[in-house]
C-alpha atoms as a PDB file:
ATOM      1  CA  UNK A   1    -189.763  27.718 -55.845  1.00  0.00           C
ATOM      2  CA  UNK A   2    -189.518  26.400 -59.720  1.00  0.00           C
ATOM      3  CA  UNK A   3    -192.112  23.884 -58.942  1.00  0.00           C
ATOM      4  CA  UNK A   4    -194.286  25.968 -56.848  1.00  0.00           C
ATOM      5  CA  UNK A   5    -194.386  28.659 -59.760  1.00  0.00           C
ATOM      6  CA  UNK A   6    -194.852  25.988 -62.420  1.00  0.00           C
ATOM      7  CA  UNK A   7    -198.223  24.595 -60.905  1.00  0.00           C
ATOM      8  CA  UNK A   8    -199.541  28.121 -60.576  1.00  0.00           C
ATOM      9  CA  UNK A   9    -199.383  28.606 -64.188  1.00  0.00           C
ATOM     10  CA  UNK A  10    -202.340  26.280 -65.306  1.00  0.00           C
ATOM     11  CA  UNK A  11    -204.394  28.462 -63.251  1.00  0.00           C
ATOM     12  CA  UNK A  12    -202.853  31.728 -64.852  1.00  0.00           C
ATOM     13  CA  UNK A  13    -203.515  30.110 -68.274  1.00  0.00           C
ATOM     14  CA  UNK A  14    -206.779  29.233 -68.209  1.00  0.00           C
ATOM     15  CA  UNK A  15    -207.961  32.568 -66.705  1.00  0.00           C
ATOM     16  CA  UNK A  16    -206.083  34.416 -69.801  1.00  0.00           C
ATOM     17  CA  UNK A  17    -207.836  31.806 -72.244  1.00  0.00           C
ATOM     18  CA  UNK A  18    -211.284  32.440 -70.916  1.00  0.00           C
ATOM     19  CA  UNK A  19    -210.788  36.003 -70.764  1.00  0.00           C
ATOM     20  CA  UNK A  20    -209.136  36.446 -74.152  1.00  0.00           C
ATOM     21  CA  UNK A  21    -211.941  34.292 -75.821  1.00  0.00           C
ATOM     22  CA  UNK A  22    -214.922  36.319 -74.046  1.00  0.00           C
ATOM     23  CA  UNK A  23    -213.075  39.457 -75.331  1.00  0.00           C
ATOM     24  CA  UNK A  24    -213.022  37.863 -78.629  1.00  0.00           C
ATOM     25  CA  UNK A  25    -216.878  37.560 -78.643  1.00  0.00           C
ATOM     26  CA  UNK A  26    -217.477  41.252 -77.881  1.00  0.00           C
ATOM     27  CA  UNK A  27    -214.726  42.723 -79.841  1.00  0.00           C
ATOM     28  CA  UNK A  28    -215.296  41.113 -83.070  1.00  0.00           C
ATOM     29  CA  UNK A  29    -218.780  41.435 -82.481  1.00  0.00           C
ATOM     30  CA  UNK A  30    -218.213  45.095 -83.652  1.00  0.00           C
ATOM     31  CA  UNK A  31    -214.810  45.375 -85.436  1.00  0.00           C
ATOM     32  CA  UNK A  32    -215.870  44.026 -88.762  1.00  0.00           C
ATOM     33  CA  UNK A  33    -218.359  47.183 -88.934  1.00  0.00           C
ATOM     34  CA  UNK A  34    -215.779  49.626 -87.766  1.00  0.00           C
ATOM     35  CA  UNK A  35    -212.447  48.450 -90.192  1.00  0.00           C
ATOM     36  CA  UNK A  36    -214.128  49.067 -93.786  1.00  0.00           C
ATOM     37  CA  UNK A  37    -211.705  46.344 -95.259  1.00  0.00           C
ATOM     38  CA  UNK A  38    -213.021  43.532 -92.614  1.00  0.00           C
ATOM     39  CA  UNK A  39    -216.647  44.408 -93.854  1.00  0.00           C
ATOM     40  CA  UNK A  40    -215.546  43.068 -97.487  1.00  0.00           C
ATOM     41  CA  UNK A  41    -214.747  39.914 -95.958  1.00  0.00           C
ATOM     42  CA  UNK A  42    -217.467  37.214 -95.420  1.00  0.00           C
ATOM     43  CA  UNK A  43    -216.773  34.264 -92.818  1.00  0.00           C
ATOM     44  CA  UNK A  44    -218.431  30.745 -92.188  1.00  0.00           C
ATOM     45  CA  UNK A  45    -218.241  29.901 -88.955  1.00  0.00           C
ATOM     46  CA  UNK A  46    -217.683  26.538 -87.191  1.00  0.00           C
ATOM     47  CA  UNK A  47    -217.307  24.033 -89.983  1.00  0.00           C
ATOM     48  CA  UNK A  48    -216.400  20.386 -88.496  1.00  0.00           C
ATOM     49  CA  UNK A  49    -212.959  19.182 -90.437  1.00  0.00           C
ATOM     50  CA  UNK A  50    -212.989  16.088 -88.341  1.00  0.00           C
ATOM     51  CA  UNK A  51    -215.266  13.749 -86.417  1.00  0.00           C
ATOM     52  CA  UNK A  52    -216.806  13.617 -83.887  1.00  0.00           C
ATOM     53  CA  UNK A  53    -217.998  17.456 -84.252  1.00  0.00           C
ATOM     54  CA  UNK A  54    -216.325  19.070 -80.934  1.00  0.00           C
ATOM     55  CA  UNK A  55    -215.336  22.543 -80.697  1.00  0.00           C
ATOM     56  CA  UNK A  56    -211.333  21.454 -80.987  1.00  0.00           C
ATOM     57  CA  UNK A  57    -212.334  20.200 -84.584  1.00  0.00           C
ATOM     58  CA  UNK A  58    -214.053  23.364 -86.200  1.00  0.00           C
ATOM     59  CA  UNK A  59    -212.610  25.956 -88.521  1.00  0.00           C
ATOM     60  CA  UNK A  60    -213.718  29.261 -90.008  1.00  0.00           C
ATOM     61  CA  UNK A  61    -213.493  30.033 -93.614  1.00  0.00           C
ATOM     62  CA  UNK A  62    -212.637  33.566 -94.301  1.00  0.00           C
ATOM     63  CA  UNK A  63    -213.038  35.147 -97.862  1.00  0.00           C
ATOM     64  CA  UNK A  64    -213.761  38.262 -99.500  1.00  0.00           C
ATOM     65  CA  UNK A  65    -217.498  38.774-100.601  1.00  0.00           C
ATOM     66  CA  UNK A  66    -216.389  40.225-104.066  1.00  0.00           C
ATOM     67  CA  UNK A  67    -213.930  37.314-104.717  1.00  0.00           C
ATOM     68  CA  UNK A  68    -214.174  35.657-107.930  1.00  0.00           C
ATOM     69  CA  UNK A  69    -212.897  31.837-108.865  1.00  0.00           C
ATOM     70  CA  UNK A  70    -210.677  29.998-106.781  1.00  0.00           C
ATOM     71  CA  UNK A  71    -208.351  31.777-104.314  1.00  0.00           C
ATOM     72  CA  UNK A  72    -204.765  30.924-103.201  1.00  0.00           C
ATOM     73  CA  UNK A  73    -205.314  29.490 -99.713  1.00  0.00           C
ATOM     74  CA  UNK A  74    -203.875  29.879 -96.357  1.00  0.00           C
ATOM     75  CA  UNK A  75    -204.576  27.303 -93.514  1.00  0.00           C
ATOM     76  CA  UNK A  76    -203.852  29.224 -90.193  1.00  0.00           C
ATOM     77  CA  UNK A  77    -202.805  27.528 -87.056  1.00  0.00           C
ATOM     78  CA  UNK A  78    -202.991  29.820 -83.992  1.00  0.00           C
ATOM     79  CA  UNK A  79    -200.613  30.194 -81.131  1.00  0.00           C
ATOM     80  CA  UNK A  80    -201.116  29.980 -77.691  1.00  0.00           C
ATOM     81  CA  UNK A  81    -198.333  28.068 -75.822  1.00  0.00           C
ATOM     82  CA  UNK A  82    -200.388  24.881 -76.800  1.00  0.00           C
ATOM     83  CA  UNK A  83    -202.487  25.411 -73.877  1.00  0.00           C
ATOM     84  CA  UNK A  84    -204.840  28.260 -74.531  1.00  0.00           C
ATOM     85  CA  UNK A  85    -206.519  30.744 -77.193  1.00  0.00           C
ATOM     86  CA  UNK A  86    -208.407  29.439 -80.344  1.00  0.00           C
ATOM     87  CA  UNK A  87    -209.585  30.622 -83.725  1.00  0.00           C
ATOM     88  CA  UNK A  88    -211.744  32.722 -82.338  1.00  0.00           C
ATOM     89  CA  UNK A  89    -208.888  34.764 -80.543  1.00  0.00           C
ATOM     90  CA  UNK A  90    -206.958  35.027 -83.503  1.00  0.00           C
ATOM     91  CA  UNK A  91    -209.683  36.157 -85.855  1.00  0.00           C
ATOM     92  CA  UNK A  92    -207.668  39.247 -86.380  1.00  0.00           C
ATOM     93  CA  UNK A  93    -204.998  37.523 -88.501  1.00  0.00           C
ATOM     94  CA  UNK A  94    -207.618  35.906 -90.480  1.00  0.00           C
ATOM     95  CA  UNK A  95    -209.245  39.040 -91.589  1.00  0.00           C
ATOM     96  CA  UNK A  96    -206.053  40.912 -92.439  1.00  0.00           C
ATOM     97  CA  UNK A  97    -205.014  38.236 -94.774  1.00  0.00           C
ATOM     98  CA  UNK A  98    -208.700  37.288 -96.333  1.00  0.00           C
ATOM     99  CA  UNK A  99    -208.763  41.377 -96.844  1.00  0.00           C
ATOM    100  CA  UNK A 100    -205.712  40.937 -99.122  1.00  0.00           C
ATOM    101  CA  UNK A 101    -207.840  38.467-101.262  1.00  0.00           C
ATOM    102  CA  UNK A 102    -206.862  34.816 -99.585  1.00  0.00           C
ATOM    103  CA  UNK A 103    -209.102  32.164 -98.639  1.00  0.00           C
ATOM    104  CA  UNK A 104    -208.587  31.554 -94.719  1.00  0.00           C
ATOM    105  CA  UNK A 105    -208.832  28.437 -93.153  1.00  0.00           C
ATOM    106  CA  UNK A 106    -208.648  29.496 -89.493  1.00  0.00           C
ATOM    107  CA  UNK A 107    -208.376  26.085 -87.259  1.00  0.00           C
ATOM    108  CA  UNK A 108    -209.090  25.017 -83.853  1.00  0.00           C
ATOM    109  CA  UNK A 109    -207.059  21.923 -82.396  1.00  0.00           C
ATOM    110  CA  UNK A 110    -207.080  20.403 -79.268  1.00  0.00           C
ATOM    111  CA  UNK A 111    -204.998  22.105 -76.376  1.00  0.00           C
ATOM    112  CA  UNK A 112    -202.529  20.472 -73.541  1.00  0.00           C
ATOM    113  CA  UNK A 113    -201.870  19.540 -71.044  1.00  0.00           C
ATOM    114  CA  UNK A 114    -204.889  17.374 -71.511  1.00  0.00           C
ATOM    115  CA  UNK A 115    -204.449  16.632 -75.054  1.00  0.00           C
ATOM    116  CA  UNK A 116    -200.470  16.579 -75.126  1.00  0.00           C
ATOM    117  CA  UNK A 117    -198.309  15.466 -78.219  1.00  0.00           C
ATOM    118  CA  UNK A 118    -199.393  14.382 -81.064  1.00  0.00           C
ATOM    119  CA  UNK A 119    -203.209  15.428 -80.600  1.00  0.00           C
ATOM    120  CA  UNK A 120    -202.352  19.063 -81.411  1.00  0.00           C
ATOM    121  CA  UNK A 121    -200.382  18.063 -84.414  1.00  0.00           C
ATOM    122  CA  UNK A 122    -202.574  14.943 -85.599  1.00  0.00           C
ATOM    123  CA  UNK A 123    -205.366  17.926 -85.639  1.00  0.00           C
ATOM    124  CA  UNK A 124    -203.473  20.300 -87.943  1.00  0.00           C
ATOM    125  CA  UNK A 125    -202.664  17.440 -90.123  1.00  0.00           C
ATOM    126  CA  UNK A 126    -206.340  16.298 -90.293  1.00  0.00           C
ATOM    127  CA  UNK A 127    -207.339  20.180 -91.146  1.00  0.00           C
ATOM    128  CA  UNK A 128    -204.767  20.238 -93.721  1.00  0.00           C
ATOM    129  CA  UNK A 129    -206.031  16.777 -95.531  1.00  0.00           C
ATOM    130  CA  UNK A 130    -209.966  18.320 -94.943  1.00  0.00           C
ATOM    131  CA  UNK A 131    -208.419  21.405 -96.853  1.00  0.00           C
ATOM    132  CA  UNK A 132    -207.232  19.449 -99.533  1.00  0.00           C
ATOM    133  CA  UNK A 133    -210.416  17.277-100.091  1.00  0.00           C
ATOM    134  CA  UNK A 134    -212.862  20.140 -99.837  1.00  0.00           C
ATOM    135  CA  UNK A 135    -211.348  23.475 -99.875  1.00  0.00           C
ATOM    136  CA  UNK A 136    -212.341  23.686-103.525  1.00  0.00           C
ATOM    137  CA  UNK A 137    -216.401  23.409-102.485  1.00  0.00           C
ATOM    138  CA  UNK A 138    -215.419  26.856-100.558  1.00  0.00           C
ATOM    139  CA  UNK A 139    -213.647  28.206-103.431  1.00  0.00           C
ATOM    140  CA  UNK A 140    -210.324  27.523-102.430  1.00  0.00           C
ATOM    141  CA  UNK A 141    -207.500  26.917-104.960  1.00  0.00           C
ATOM    142  CA  UNK A 142    -205.734  23.755-103.247  1.00  0.00           C
ATOM    143  CA  UNK A 143    -202.569  23.939-105.525  1.00  0.00           C
ATOM    144  CA  UNK A 144    -201.870  27.454-104.306  1.00  0.00           C
ATOM    145  CA  UNK A 145    -202.003  26.563-100.446  1.00  0.00           C
ATOM    146  CA  UNK A 146    -199.459  27.706 -97.517  1.00  0.00           C
ATOM    147  CA  UNK A 147    -199.373  27.203 -94.038  1.00  0.00           C
ATOM    148  CA  UNK A 148    -199.203  29.944 -91.505  1.00  0.00           C
ATOM    149  CA  UNK A 149    -198.822  29.589 -87.645  1.00  0.00           C
ATOM    150  CA  UNK A 150    -197.317  31.978 -84.791  1.00  0.00           C
ATOM    151  CA  UNK A 151    -195.767  31.002 -81.656  1.00  0.00           C
ATOM    152  CA  UNK A 152    -197.365  27.244 -80.757  1.00  0.00           C
ATOM    153  CA  UNK A 153    -198.964  27.397 -83.968  1.00  0.00           C
ATOM    154  CA  UNK A 154    -195.449  28.144 -85.899  1.00  0.00           C
ATOM    155  CA  UNK A 155    -194.147  24.693 -84.355  1.00  0.00           C
ATOM    156  CA  UNK A 156    -196.939  23.030 -85.721  1.00  0.00           C
ATOM    157  CA  UNK A 157    -196.611  24.734 -89.179  1.00  0.00           C
ATOM    158  CA  UNK A 158    -193.230  23.693 -89.244  1.00  0.00           C
ATOM    159  CA  UNK A 159    -194.072  20.223 -88.234  1.00  0.00           C
ATOM    160  CA  UNK A 160    -196.698  19.754 -90.646  1.00  0.00           C
ATOM    161  CA  UNK A 161    -194.658  21.468 -93.343  1.00  0.00           C
ATOM    162  CA  UNK A 162    -191.831  18.698 -92.565  1.00  0.00           C
ATOM    163  CA  UNK A 163    -194.186  16.098 -92.522  1.00  0.00           C
ATOM    164  CA  UNK A 164    -195.754  17.018 -95.984  1.00  0.00           C
ATOM    165  CA  UNK A 165    -192.276  17.019 -97.594  1.00  0.00           C
ATOM    166  CA  UNK A 166    -190.625  13.952 -95.777  1.00  0.00           C
ATOM    167  CA  UNK A 167    -191.631  10.388 -95.096  1.00  0.00           C
ATOM    168  CA  UNK A 168    -191.892   9.881 -91.548  1.00  0.00           C
ATOM    169  CA  UNK A 169    -191.942   6.385 -89.134  1.00  0.00           C
ATOM    170  CA  UNK A 170    -194.745   7.708 -87.147  1.00  0.00           C
ATOM    171  CA  UNK A 171    -198.222   6.051 -88.223  1.00  0.00           C
ATOM    172  CA  UNK A 172    -200.280   9.228 -87.866  1.00  0.00           C
ATOM    173  CA  UNK A 173    -197.638  11.405 -90.240  1.00  0.00           C
ATOM    174  CA  UNK A 174    -198.161   8.720 -93.347  1.00  0.00           C
ATOM    175  CA  UNK A 175    -201.271   9.833 -94.741  1.00  0.00           C
ATOM    176  CA  UNK A 176    -200.481  13.565 -95.013  1.00  0.00           C
ATOM    177  CA  UNK A 177    -196.671  12.445 -96.711  1.00  0.00           C
ATOM    178  CA  UNK A 178    -198.702   9.966 -99.120  1.00  0.00           C
ATOM    179  CA  UNK A 179    -201.180  12.803-100.311  1.00  0.00           C
ATOM    180  CA  UNK A 180    -198.294  14.236-102.370  1.00  0.00           C
ATOM    181  CA  UNK A 181    -199.526  17.694-101.854  1.00  0.00           C
ATOM    182  CA  UNK A 182    -197.740  21.079-102.923  1.00  0.00           C
ATOM    183  CA  UNK A 183    -197.025  23.607-100.667  1.00  0.00           C
ATOM    184  CA  UNK A 184    -196.642  27.383-101.997  1.00  0.00           C
ATOM    185  CA  UNK A 185    -194.710  28.337 -99.301  1.00  0.00           C
ATOM    186  CA  UNK A 186    -194.767  28.166 -95.498  1.00  0.00           C
ATOM    187  CA  UNK A 187    -194.767  30.845 -92.737  1.00  0.00           C
ATOM    188  CA  UNK A 188    -194.102  29.695 -88.957  1.00  0.00           C
ATOM    189  CA  UNK A 189    -193.881  33.080 -86.978  1.00  0.00           C
ATOM    190  CA  UNK A 190    -191.514  33.338 -84.180  1.00  0.00           C
ATOM    191  CA  UNK A 191    -191.949  29.899 -82.814  1.00  0.00           C
ATOM    192  CA  UNK A 192    -190.836  27.635 -79.822  1.00  0.00           C
ATOM    193  CA  UNK A 193    -189.400  25.097 -82.342  1.00  0.00           C
ATOM    194  CA  UNK A 194    -186.812  22.801 -80.380  1.00  0.00           C
ATOM    195  CA  UNK A 195    -188.460  21.295 -77.018  1.00  0.00           C
ATOM    196  CA  UNK A 196    -185.533  19.612 -76.051  1.00  0.00           C
ATOM    197  CA  UNK A 197    -183.587  21.316 -73.340  1.00  0.00           C
ATOM    198  CA  UNK A 198    -185.795  24.558 -72.895  1.00  0.00           C
ATOM    199  CA  UNK A 199    -183.164  25.458 -70.288  1.00  0.00           C
ATOM    200  CA  UNK A 200    -180.839  26.490 -73.357  1.00  0.00           C
ATOM    201  CA  UNK A 201    -182.432  29.789 -73.078  1.00  0.00           C
ATOM    202  CA  UNK A 202    -181.116  30.986 -69.892  1.00  0.00           C
ATOM    203  CA  UNK A 203    -178.131  28.439 -69.072  1.00  0.00           C
ATOM    204  CA  UNK A 204    -176.007  31.532 -70.216  1.00  0.00           C
ATOM    205  CA  UNK A 205    -175.861  33.244 -66.716  1.00  0.00           C
ATOM    206  CA  UNK A 206    -175.768  36.652 -68.630  1.00  0.00           C
ATOM    207  CA  UNK A 207    -179.127  35.732 -70.294  1.00  0.00           C
ATOM    208  CA  UNK A 208    -180.735  34.145 -67.322  1.00  0.00           C
ATOM    209  CA  UNK A 209    -180.397  37.338 -65.366  1.00  0.00           C
ATOM    210  CA  UNK A 210    -181.747  39.270 -68.158  1.00  0.00           C
ATOM    211  CA  UNK A 211    -184.821  36.710 -68.722  1.00  0.00           C
ATOM    212  CA  UNK A 212    -187.597  37.468 -65.918  1.00  0.00           C
ATOM    213  CA  UNK A 213    -188.774  34.468 -63.811  1.00  0.00           C
ATOM    214  CA  UNK A 214    -192.233  34.541 -65.419  1.00  0.00           C
ATOM    215  CA  UNK A 215    -190.783  33.870 -68.762  1.00  0.00           C
ATOM    216  CA  UNK A 216    -188.871  31.095 -67.648  1.00  0.00           C
ATOM    217  CA  UNK A 217    -192.115  29.751 -66.559  1.00  0.00           C
ATOM    218  CA  UNK A 218    -193.849  30.391 -69.536  1.00  0.00           C
ATOM    219  CA  UNK A 219    -191.338  28.739 -71.624  1.00  0.00           C
ATOM    220  CA  UNK A 220    -191.325  25.666 -69.313  1.00  0.00           C
ATOM    221  CA  UNK A 221    -195.003  25.668 -69.189  1.00  0.00           C
ATOM    222  CA  UNK A 222    -195.121  25.570 -72.955  1.00  0.00           C
ATOM    223  CA  UNK A 223    -193.043  22.229 -73.455  1.00  0.00           C
ATOM    224  CA  UNK A 224    -194.993  20.822 -70.655  1.00  0.00           C
ATOM    225  CA  UNK A 225    -198.261  21.698 -72.164  1.00  0.00           C
ATOM    226  CA  UNK A 226    -197.264  19.994 -75.644  1.00  0.00           C
ATOM    227  CA  UNK A 227    -195.399  16.732 -74.108  1.00  0.00           C
ATOM    228  CA  UNK A 228    -196.666  16.531 -70.760  1.00  0.00           C
ATOM    229  CA  UNK A 229    -194.437  14.453 -68.558  1.00  0.00           C
ATOM    230  CA  UNK A 230    -192.700  13.283 -71.302  1.00  0.00           C
ATOM    231  CA  UNK A 231    -190.824  16.825 -71.354  1.00  0.00           C
ATOM    232  CA  UNK A 232    -187.679  15.322 -70.406  1.00  0.00           C
ATOM    233  CA  UNK A 233    -187.781  12.775 -72.942  1.00  0.00           C
ATOM    234  CA  UNK A 234    -188.362  15.095 -75.844  1.00  0.00           C
ATOM    235  CA  UNK A 235    -185.762  13.631 -77.736  1.00  0.00           C
ATOM    236  CA  UNK A 236    -188.157  10.722 -78.262  1.00  0.00           C
ATOM    237  CA  UNK A 237    -190.574  12.877 -80.145  1.00  0.00           C
ATOM    238  CA  UNK A 238    -188.791  14.321 -82.926  1.00  0.00           C
ATOM    239  CA  UNK A 239    -191.825  16.260 -84.423  1.00  0.00           C
ATOM    240  CA  UNK A 240    -192.140  17.969 -81.322  1.00  0.00           C
ATOM    241  CA  UNK A 241    -188.907  19.946 -82.246  1.00  0.00           C
ATOM    242  CA  UNK A 242    -189.335  20.408 -85.782  1.00  0.00           C
ATOM    243  CA  UNK A 243    -186.392  22.244 -85.829  1.00  0.00           C
ATOM    244  CA  UNK A 244    -183.918  19.791 -85.065  1.00  0.00           C
ATOM    245  CA  UNK A 245    -185.358  17.970 -88.083  1.00  0.00           C
ATOM    246  CA  UNK A 246    -184.780  20.842 -90.612  1.00  0.00           C
ATOM    247  CA  UNK A 247    -180.961  21.081 -89.103  1.00  0.00           C
ATOM    248  CA  UNK A 248    -180.506  17.573 -90.332  1.00  0.00           C
ATOM    249  CA  UNK A 249    -179.399  16.614 -93.761  1.00  0.00           C
ATOM    250  CA  UNK A 250    -182.338  15.631 -96.066  1.00  0.00           C
ATOM    251  CA  UNK A 251    -183.578  12.110 -95.691  1.00  0.00           C
ATOM    252  CA  UNK A 252    -184.146   9.868 -98.662  1.00  0.00           C
ATOM    253  CA  UNK A 253    -187.338   9.843-100.337  1.00  0.00           C
ATOM    254  CA  UNK A 254    -187.711  13.460 -99.203  1.00  0.00           C
ATOM    255  CA  UNK A 255    -189.288  16.117-101.567  1.00  0.00           C
ATOM    256  CA  UNK A 256    -188.271  19.637-101.744  1.00  0.00           C
ATOM    257  CA  UNK A 257    -189.138  21.895 -99.125  1.00  0.00           C
ATOM    258  CA  UNK A 258    -191.051  25.131-100.286  1.00  0.00           C
ATOM    259  CA  UNK A 259    -189.969  28.656 -99.474  1.00  0.00           C
ATOM    260  CA  UNK A 260    -190.083  29.847 -96.146  1.00  0.00           C
ATOM    261  CA  UNK A 261    -191.014  33.170 -94.511  1.00  0.00           C
ATOM    262  CA  UNK A 262    -190.175  34.250 -90.561  1.00  0.00           C
ATOM    263  CA  UNK A 263    -189.915  36.702 -88.194  1.00  0.00           C
ATOM    264  CA  UNK A 264    -189.057  37.618 -84.692  1.00  0.00           C
ATOM    265  CA  UNK A 265    -188.251  40.805 -82.603  1.00  0.00           C
ATOM    266  CA  UNK A 266    -184.950  40.680 -80.725  1.00  0.00           C
ATOM    267  CA  UNK A 267    -186.752  40.989 -77.361  1.00  0.00           C
ATOM    268  CA  UNK A 268    -188.441  37.880 -78.150  1.00  0.00           C
ATOM    269  CA  UNK A 269    -186.727  34.873 -76.180  1.00  0.00           C
ATOM    270  CA  UNK A 270    -187.475  33.016 -79.077  1.00  0.00           C
ATOM    271  CA  UNK A 271    -185.265  35.023 -81.452  1.00  0.00           C
ATOM    272  CA  UNK A 272    -182.604  32.020 -81.040  1.00  0.00           C
ATOM    273  CA  UNK A 273    -185.148  29.583 -82.632  1.00  0.00           C
ATOM    274  CA  UNK A 274    -186.004  31.593 -85.420  1.00  0.00           C
ATOM    275  CA  UNK A 275    -182.766  32.291 -86.452  1.00  0.00           C
ATOM    276  CA  UNK A 276    -181.605  28.617 -86.079  1.00  0.00           C
ATOM    277  CA  UNK A 277    -184.633  27.947 -88.530  1.00  0.00           C
ATOM    278  CA  UNK A 278    -183.184  30.146 -91.259  1.00  0.00           C
ATOM    279  CA  UNK A 279    -179.760  28.970 -90.787  1.00  0.00           C
ATOM    280  CA  UNK A 280    -181.032  25.205 -91.290  1.00  0.00           C
ATOM    281  CA  UNK A 281    -183.004  26.047 -94.248  1.00  0.00           C
ATOM    282  CA  UNK A 282    -180.459  28.004 -95.797  1.00  0.00           C
ATOM    283  CA  UNK A 283    -177.881  25.220 -95.450  1.00  0.00           C
ATOM    284  CA  UNK A 284    -180.494  23.078 -97.035  1.00  0.00           C
ATOM    285  CA  UNK A 285    -180.442  25.266-100.075  1.00  0.00           C
ATOM    286  CA  UNK A 286    -183.929  26.507 -99.278  1.00  0.00           C
ATOM    287  CA  UNK A 287    -185.446  30.189 -99.879  1.00  0.00           C
ATOM    288  CA  UNK A 288    -185.919  31.400 -96.183  1.00  0.00           C
ATOM    289  CA  UNK A 289    -187.001  35.148 -95.902  1.00  0.00           C
ATOM    290  CA  UNK A 290    -185.964  36.132 -92.415  1.00  0.00           C
ATOM    291  CA  UNK A 291    -187.310  39.697 -90.739  1.00  0.00           C
ATOM    292  CA  UNK A 292    -185.910  40.558 -87.379  1.00  0.00           C
ATOM    293  CA  UNK A 293    -187.230  43.397 -85.686  1.00  0.00           C
ATOM    294  CA  UNK A 294    -184.928  45.418 -83.279  1.00  0.00           C
ATOM    295  CA  UNK A 295    -186.676  45.910 -79.811  1.00  0.00           C
ATOM    296  CA  UNK A 296    -189.931  44.105 -80.696  1.00  0.00           C
ATOM    297  CA  UNK A 297    -191.338  41.608 -78.209  1.00  0.00           C
ATOM    298  CA  UNK A 298    -193.238  38.103 -78.580  1.00  0.00           C
ATOM    299  CA  UNK A 299    -196.072  38.434 -80.858  1.00  0.00           C
ATOM    300  CA  UNK A 300    -195.560  42.207 -81.776  1.00  0.00           C
ATOM    301  CA  UNK A 301    -196.970  41.788 -85.224  1.00  0.00           C
ATOM    302  CA  UNK A 302    -200.784  41.537 -83.491  1.00  0.00           C
ATOM    303  CA  UNK A 303    -200.561  45.166 -82.719  1.00  0.00           C
ATOM    304  CA  UNK A 304    -201.295  46.478 -85.983  1.00  0.00           C
ATOM    305  CA  UNK A 305    -201.304  50.153 -85.223  1.00  0.00           C
ATOM    306  CA  UNK A 306    -197.677  50.076 -84.908  1.00  0.00           C
ATOM    307  CA  UNK A 307    -195.081  50.754 -87.279  1.00  0.00           C
ATOM    308  CA  UNK A 308    -193.158  47.506 -87.070  1.00  0.00           C
ATOM    309  CA  UNK A 309    -196.318  45.444 -87.144  1.00  0.00           C
ATOM    310  CA  UNK A 310    -196.982  46.970 -90.274  1.00  0.00           C
ATOM    311  CA  UNK A 311    -193.731  46.634 -91.665  1.00  0.00           C
ATOM    312  CA  UNK A 312    -193.946  42.837 -90.664  1.00  0.00           C
ATOM    313  CA  UNK A 313    -197.601  42.209 -92.318  1.00  0.00           C
ATOM    314  CA  UNK A 314    -196.275  43.821 -95.232  1.00  0.00           C
ATOM    315  CA  UNK A 315    -192.998  41.897 -95.720  1.00  0.00           C
ATOM    316  CA  UNK A 316    -195.438  38.891 -95.558  1.00  0.00           C
ATOM    317  CA  UNK A 317    -197.849  40.298 -98.042  1.00  0.00           C
ATOM    318  CA  UNK A 318    -194.939  40.400-100.739  1.00  0.00           C
ATOM    319  CA  UNK A 319    -193.782  37.233 -99.752  1.00  0.00           C
ATOM    320  CA  UNK A 320    -197.280  36.065-100.499  1.00  0.00           C
ATOM    321  CA  UNK A 321    -197.516  37.793-103.611  1.00  0.00           C
ATOM    322  CA  UNK A 322    -194.329  36.314-105.090  1.00  0.00           C
ATOM    323  CA  UNK A 323    -194.912  32.503-104.173  1.00  0.00           C
ATOM    324  CA  UNK A 324    -198.642  32.295-104.371  1.00  0.00           C
ATOM    325  CA  UNK A 325    -199.037  34.425-107.625  1.00  0.00           C
ATOM    326  CA  UNK A 326    -195.990  34.543-109.404  1.00  0.00           C
ATOM    327  CA  UNK A 327    -194.044  37.557-108.535  1.00  0.00           C
ATOM    328  CA  UNK A 328    -194.741  40.658-106.964  1.00  0.00           C
ATOM    329  CA  UNK A 329    -194.631  42.398-110.142  1.00  0.00           C
ATOM    330  CA  UNK A 330    -197.426  40.154-111.657  1.00  0.00           C
ATOM    331  CA  UNK A 331    -199.552  40.615-108.709  1.00  0.00           C
ATOM    332  CA  UNK A 332    -199.083  44.620-107.903  1.00  0.00           C
ATOM    333  CA  UNK A 333    -200.102  46.283-104.744  1.00  0.00           C
ATOM    334  CA  UNK A 334    -202.672  48.112-106.968  1.00  0.00           C
ATOM    335  CA  UNK A 335    -204.822  44.897-107.576  1.00  0.00           C
ATOM    336  CA  UNK A 336    -208.490  45.074-106.386  1.00  0.00           C
ATOM    337  CA  UNK A 337    -207.700  42.825-103.426  1.00  0.00           C
ATOM    338  CA  UNK A 338    -204.770  44.712-101.798  1.00  0.00           C
ATOM    339  CA  UNK A 339    -205.611  46.619 -98.555  1.00  0.00           C
ATOM    340  CA  UNK A 340    -202.862  48.703 -96.722  1.00  0.00           C
ATOM    341  CA  UNK A 341    -202.671  48.419 -93.096  1.00  0.00           C
ATOM    342  CA  UNK A 342    -202.442  52.063 -92.858  1.00  0.00           C
ATOM    343  CA  UNK A 343    -205.607  52.575 -94.956  1.00  0.00           C
ATOM    344  CA  UNK A 344    -207.254  49.909 -92.538  1.00  0.00           C
ATOM    345  CA  UNK A 345    -206.380  51.624 -89.494  1.00  0.00           C
ATOM    346  CA  UNK A 346    -207.039  54.904 -91.022  1.00  0.00           C
ATOM    347  CA  UNK A 347    -210.523  55.020 -90.415  1.00  0.00           C
END
C-alpha cells in the first residue's frame, strides 16, 4: 500500500507544480500594481548564472527603484520538496525582502527526482559564486550577503552555508570554500535537514497516529526526490543531511559559522529538525535565533495576511537589520526602505 501511494506522488507533484507556476504567471502579473510597496521594486528577469542557459539556471534580481549605491544582498533558494516550484512561484518572498531595501537574487535550480543530489546543491553553489563574481555589477554589496531558503530550500541553504565555512572532500564543494566568502548571516526556514531515516518522524506510535498518511508520503517523496534510489544510503551523502554535520564538532580548517535565524510552527512535521538545528548551533557557540509559532503549519509565513506570518517576517527583518546593517538601532524601522507588512496589506 505504501509503495502504491508513493508511486502516485510524482503525478500529484507534477500537477501541483504546473498549477502553481501557471497561477504565478497570472497572480504576479497584477499583484505588483495592487501592492504599493511592490510597485517600488524593479525586477530583472531570467539572468543566467550558469551555462548552458536553461530554465533551471536562471535567476531574477529584485531591487527597489529608489535604491542608491550598493545594497546588502540575499540569495534566496525556493522550497518545493526538491521536485517542484520555482523562482516564479516564490516571487512573494523576493518582493517582501526587496521592499525592505535588500537586493534579492531569487534562483532556480534543477529539480528531482530527474536531477537528484548533488545537482540542486551544485546549482545553489554556482548561483552563490555567480553573485560573488557579478553581483556588484547589479548594485549588490557582496560583503553583506546572506542566504535564505525555506523547506527544501532550507536544506540547500544550510548545506551551502556549511560548505562556505567548512572544507569538504567532495570535489564540487571545494571551490565555494576556497572563495573564502563572508556570510553576514543565514536563514534556513522550517527545513527537512536530515534525510537519513525519515521514518523517525513517525516511529513513535503516538506520532504515527497523529500524522496523516499523505504527510508521511510527502516526507518520503521529498527524500526520494533529492536522493533517488540512494535514499536508503543517505549516510553516504553527508551534505544531503546538513543537520548531522552541524551536530558534529567543528572540523580542522573550518571557519566560524555566521549567525543563523530559523522558524517553524508546532503543527509542522519538521519541527524537530528545526529545533535540532538550533540546539546544534548553540552547542557550537553559534548564535541561532529560533522562533516557534504555536499551531502553525508548514510554510505558514507565506500567508502574509495572518498575524503569525507578519510576526515571523518582522522577526526576520529585525535579525537582518542587526547582522547586515550593524544593529537594529543603527538601522531603525523609520528608515526610507522599511515597509511594514501591516502597511503592505492595508491597501
